[in-house]
């Protein structure tokens, strides 16, 4: 094994992986001493080579290791963030597209196409995530009717508050309590700049 520099070969192979989970898998590849097991793996590698050289291999772009997400999601009372849900959606898309691509080759690349039957897409879950969470991981306004109502109400309240503050700022500017009819936001609070000489009149 050392003479064959097997570990060095694996480190080189890692550089061709598209995903982190793929890198972990490669580094854990055992050294096969059983001829039948080695022959089986060789067929998979050779057919993968044919698939890649064919110019249209499955893309694994965006797939991440979801195991920590799944462990946390399985615990009662826990929840996943929007970005984590999008990662799950992306992973499901990769699973679905990879499965379809491999099944197209079941007539010529028999061994590697068998991998497709171990892939389980979930189009319903993928759709529901995409319908509720945007690409940045933010929950969409129309994720539910109640959320849409609440966010619409908040937008109206913010707009009303800004109009009232602007009217106050303009009033202070007209009375020369401030130099400009503006207001700013600091540490979550709205602030209207007042001239030092007039602060006691509006406190």
Protein backbone atom coordinates (compact mmCIF):
# COMPACT_ATOMS: atom_id res chain seq x y z
CA UNK A 1 0.00 0.00 0.00
CA UNK A 2 2.82 2.40 0.90
CA UNK A 3 4.78 1.43 -2.22
CA UNK A 4 1.75 2.26 -4.34
CA UNK A 5 1.46 5.65 -2.57
CA UNK A 6 -2.25 5.04 -2.09
CA UNK A 7 -2.72 7.94 0.35
CA UNK A 8 -1.00 10.30 -2.09
CA UNK A 9 -3.33 9.11 -4.85
CA UNK A 10 -6.35 9.87 -2.66
CA UNK A 11 -5.07 13.38 -1.88
CA UNK A 12 -4.76 14.05 -5.62
CA UNK A 13 -8.25 12.66 -6.22
CA UNK A 14 -9.69 15.00 -3.58
CA UNK A 15 -8.74 17.94 -5.79
CA UNK A 16 -11.28 16.80 -8.39
CA UNK A 17 -14.21 16.61 -5.97
CA UNK A 18 -17.07 19.07 -6.42
CA UNK A 19 -18.36 18.83 -2.85
CA UNK A 20 -17.03 18.69 0.70
CA UNK A 21 -18.88 15.45 1.40
CA UNK A 22 -17.24 13.98 -1.71
CA UNK A 23 -13.82 14.90 -0.34
CA UNK A 24 -14.61 13.13 2.94
CA UNK A 25 -15.78 10.05 1.04
CA UNK A 26 -12.61 9.91 -1.06
CA UNK A 27 -10.32 10.17 1.97
CA UNK A 28 -12.17 7.22 3.54
CA UNK A 29 -11.84 4.94 0.48
CA UNK A 30 -10.35 1.64 1.69
CA UNK A 31 -7.49 -0.19 0.03
CA UNK A 32 -9.19 -3.12 -1.69
CA UNK A 33 -7.39 -6.44 -1.50
CA UNK A 34 -10.30 -8.60 -2.63
CA UNK A 35 -10.17 -9.02 -6.44
CA UNK A 36 -13.96 -9.19 -6.90
CA UNK A 37 -14.55 -6.02 -4.86
CA UNK A 38 -11.75 -4.28 -6.73
CA UNK A 39 -13.24 -5.29 -10.09
CA UNK A 40 -16.62 -3.88 -9.07
CA UNK A 41 -15.09 -0.54 -8.07
CA UNK A 42 -13.02 -0.44 -11.25
CA UNK A 43 -16.18 -0.76 -13.37
CA UNK A 44 -17.76 2.16 -11.54
CA UNK A 45 -14.68 4.33 -11.99
CA UNK A 46 -14.35 3.44 -15.66
CA UNK A 47 -18.01 4.15 -16.37
CA UNK A 48 -17.78 7.43 -14.46
CA UNK A 49 -14.84 8.34 -16.70
CA UNK A 50 -16.91 7.58 -19.79
CA UNK A 51 -19.76 9.69 -18.41
CA UNK A 52 -17.46 12.65 -17.75
CA UNK A 53 -15.71 12.44 -21.10
CA UNK A 54 -19.11 12.29 -22.77
CA UNK A 55 -19.40 16.00 -22.00
CA UNK A 56 -22.56 16.04 -19.91
CA UNK A 57 -21.84 14.60 -16.45
CA UNK A 58 -24.21 15.27 -13.53
CA UNK A 59 -23.46 18.54 -11.76
CA UNK A 60 -23.11 18.39 -7.98
CA UNK A 61 -22.68 22.14 -7.66
CA UNK A 62 -24.26 23.53 -4.50
CA UNK A 63 -24.62 20.22 -2.68
CA UNK A 64 -23.36 20.42 0.90
CA UNK A 65 -23.07 17.96 3.78
CA UNK A 66 -26.53 18.03 5.39
CA UNK A 67 -25.90 15.56 8.19
CA UNK A 68 -25.62 18.20 10.92
CA UNK A 69 -28.83 19.84 9.64
CA UNK A 70 -30.70 16.54 9.73
CA UNK A 71 -29.49 15.70 13.23
CA UNK A 72 -30.67 19.06 14.53
CA UNK A 73 -33.99 18.87 12.65
CA UNK A 74 -34.70 15.48 14.23
CA UNK A 75 -34.63 16.97 17.74
CA UNK A 76 -37.94 18.06 19.20
CA UNK A 77 -38.34 21.82 19.41
CA UNK A 78 -35.42 22.60 17.11
CA UNK A 79 -35.67 24.47 13.82
CA UNK A 80 -33.57 25.17 10.74
CA UNK A 81 -32.70 28.61 9.43
CA UNK A 82 -33.82 29.81 6.01
CA UNK A 83 -30.35 29.38 4.47
CA UNK A 84 -30.19 25.82 5.77
CA UNK A 85 -33.56 25.04 4.21
CA UNK A 86 -32.30 26.41 0.88
CA UNK A 87 -29.27 24.12 1.17
CA UNK A 88 -31.64 21.19 1.59
CA UNK A 89 -33.61 22.33 -1.46
CA UNK A 90 -30.42 22.61 -3.52
CA UNK A 91 -29.31 19.16 -2.38
CA UNK A 92 -32.67 17.67 -3.39
CA UNK A 93 -32.36 19.32 -6.80
CA UNK A 94 -28.90 17.78 -7.24
CA UNK A 95 -30.24 14.37 -6.22
CA UNK A 96 -33.11 14.60 -8.70
CA UNK A 97 -31.01 15.82 -11.64
CA UNK A 98 -28.24 13.29 -10.94
CA UNK A 99 -30.73 10.43 -10.75
CA UNK A 100 -32.34 11.39 -14.05
CA UNK A 101 -28.95 11.77 -15.73
CA UNK A 102 -27.71 8.36 -14.56
CA UNK A 103 -30.93 6.61 -15.58
CA UNK A 104 -30.44 7.87 -19.13
CA UNK A 105 -27.29 5.73 -19.28
CA UNK A 106 -28.77 2.51 -17.88
CA UNK A 107 -28.51 0.87 -21.27
CA UNK A 108 -24.78 1.49 -21.78
CA UNK A 109 -23.33 2.26 -18.33
CA UNK A 110 -25.11 -0.42 -16.36
CA UNK A 111 -23.10 -0.41 -13.14
CA UNK A 112 -22.98 3.32 -12.50
CA UNK A 113 -26.61 3.78 -13.51
CA UNK A 114 -27.50 1.41 -10.65
CA UNK A 115 -26.41 4.20 -8.29
CA UNK A 116 -29.52 6.11 -9.41
CA UNK A 117 -31.75 3.63 -7.59
CA UNK A 118 -30.08 4.59 -4.31
CA UNK A 119 -30.96 8.25 -4.80
CA UNK A 120 -34.29 9.40 -3.41
CA UNK A 121 -35.50 12.82 -4.58
CA UNK A 122 -38.35 14.59 -2.80
CA UNK A 123 -39.92 17.02 -5.30
CA UNK A 124 -42.74 17.96 -2.91
CA UNK A 125 -40.35 19.06 -0.15
CA UNK A 126 -38.13 20.83 -2.68
CA UNK A 127 -41.14 22.72 -4.08
CA UNK A 128 -42.43 23.70 -0.65
CA UNK A 129 -39.04 25.06 0.43
CA UNK A 130 -38.59 27.03 -2.79
CA UNK A 131 -42.13 28.35 -2.48
CA UNK A 132 -41.52 29.59 1.08
CA UNK A 133 -37.85 30.65 1.22
CA UNK A 134 -36.01 32.84 -1.30
CA UNK A 135 -32.47 32.23 -2.57
CA UNK A 136 -31.00 34.39 0.20
CA UNK A 137 -32.68 32.28 2.86
CA UNK A 138 -35.37 34.82 3.71
CA UNK A 139 -38.92 33.63 4.33
CA UNK A 140 -41.15 34.93 1.52
CA UNK A 141 -44.10 37.17 2.32
CA UNK A 142 -46.49 34.69 0.75
CA UNK A 143 -45.11 31.67 2.61
CA UNK A 144 -48.43 31.71 4.49
CA UNK A 145 -51.54 33.89 4.51
CA UNK A 146 -50.97 34.91 8.13
CA UNK A 147 -47.35 35.91 7.50
CA UNK A 148 -48.40 37.89 4.44
CA UNK A 149 -51.03 39.73 6.51
CA UNK A 150 -48.56 40.52 9.32
CA UNK A 151 -45.82 41.79 7.00
CA UNK A 152 -48.30 43.89 5.02
CA UNK A 153 -49.51 45.43 8.29
CA UNK A 154 -45.92 46.15 9.36
CA UNK A 155 -45.16 47.88 6.06
CA UNK A 156 -48.22 50.10 6.50
CA UNK A 157 -47.20 50.94 10.08
CA UNK A 158 -43.62 51.76 9.04
CA UNK A 159 -44.87 53.97 6.23
CA UNK A 160 -47.26 55.78 8.58
CA UNK A 161 -44.52 56.24 11.20
CA UNK A 162 -42.08 57.65 8.65
CA UNK A 163 -44.70 60.16 7.43
CA UNK A 164 -45.41 61.31 10.99
CA UNK A 165 -41.70 61.67 11.79
CA UNK A 166 -41.12 63.60 8.57
CA UNK A 167 -43.96 65.98 9.44
CA UNK A 168 -42.45 66.55 12.89
CA UNK A 169 -38.99 67.10 11.40
CA UNK A 170 -40.40 69.64 8.93
CA UNK A 171 -42.26 71.40 11.74
CA UNK A 172 -39.06 71.67 13.81
CA UNK A 173 -37.17 72.99 10.78
CA UNK A 174 -39.88 75.62 10.17
CA UNK A 175 -39.54 76.73 13.82
CA UNK A 176 -35.74 76.71 13.37
CA UNK A 177 -35.35 74.09 16.10
CA UNK A 178 -33.29 72.08 13.61
CA UNK A 179 -31.26 72.88 10.51
CA UNK A 180 -32.84 70.24 8.25
CA UNK A 181 -36.17 68.47 7.98
CA UNK A 182 -34.67 65.00 8.39
CA UNK A 183 -34.55 62.18 10.90
CA UNK A 184 -32.09 59.32 11.33
CA UNK A 185 -32.10 55.92 12.99
CA UNK A 186 -29.60 55.00 15.70
CA UNK A 187 -29.54 51.77 17.70
CA UNK A 188 -33.08 50.99 16.61
CA UNK A 189 -34.45 54.43 17.56
CA UNK A 190 -35.54 57.30 15.33
CA UNK A 191 -33.69 60.56 16.04
CA UNK A 192 -34.50 64.12 14.93
CA UNK A 193 -31.42 66.38 15.24
CA UNK A 194 -32.22 69.46 17.37
CA UNK A 195 -30.07 72.57 17.82
CA UNK A 196 -28.44 72.68 21.23
CA UNK A 197 -30.17 75.96 22.15
CA UNK A 198 -33.63 74.44 21.67
CA UNK A 199 -33.20 70.95 23.15
CA UNK A 200 -34.86 71.98 26.43
CA UNK A 201 -37.98 73.07 24.52
CA UNK A 202 -38.63 69.71 22.87
CA UNK A 203 -37.38 67.29 25.50
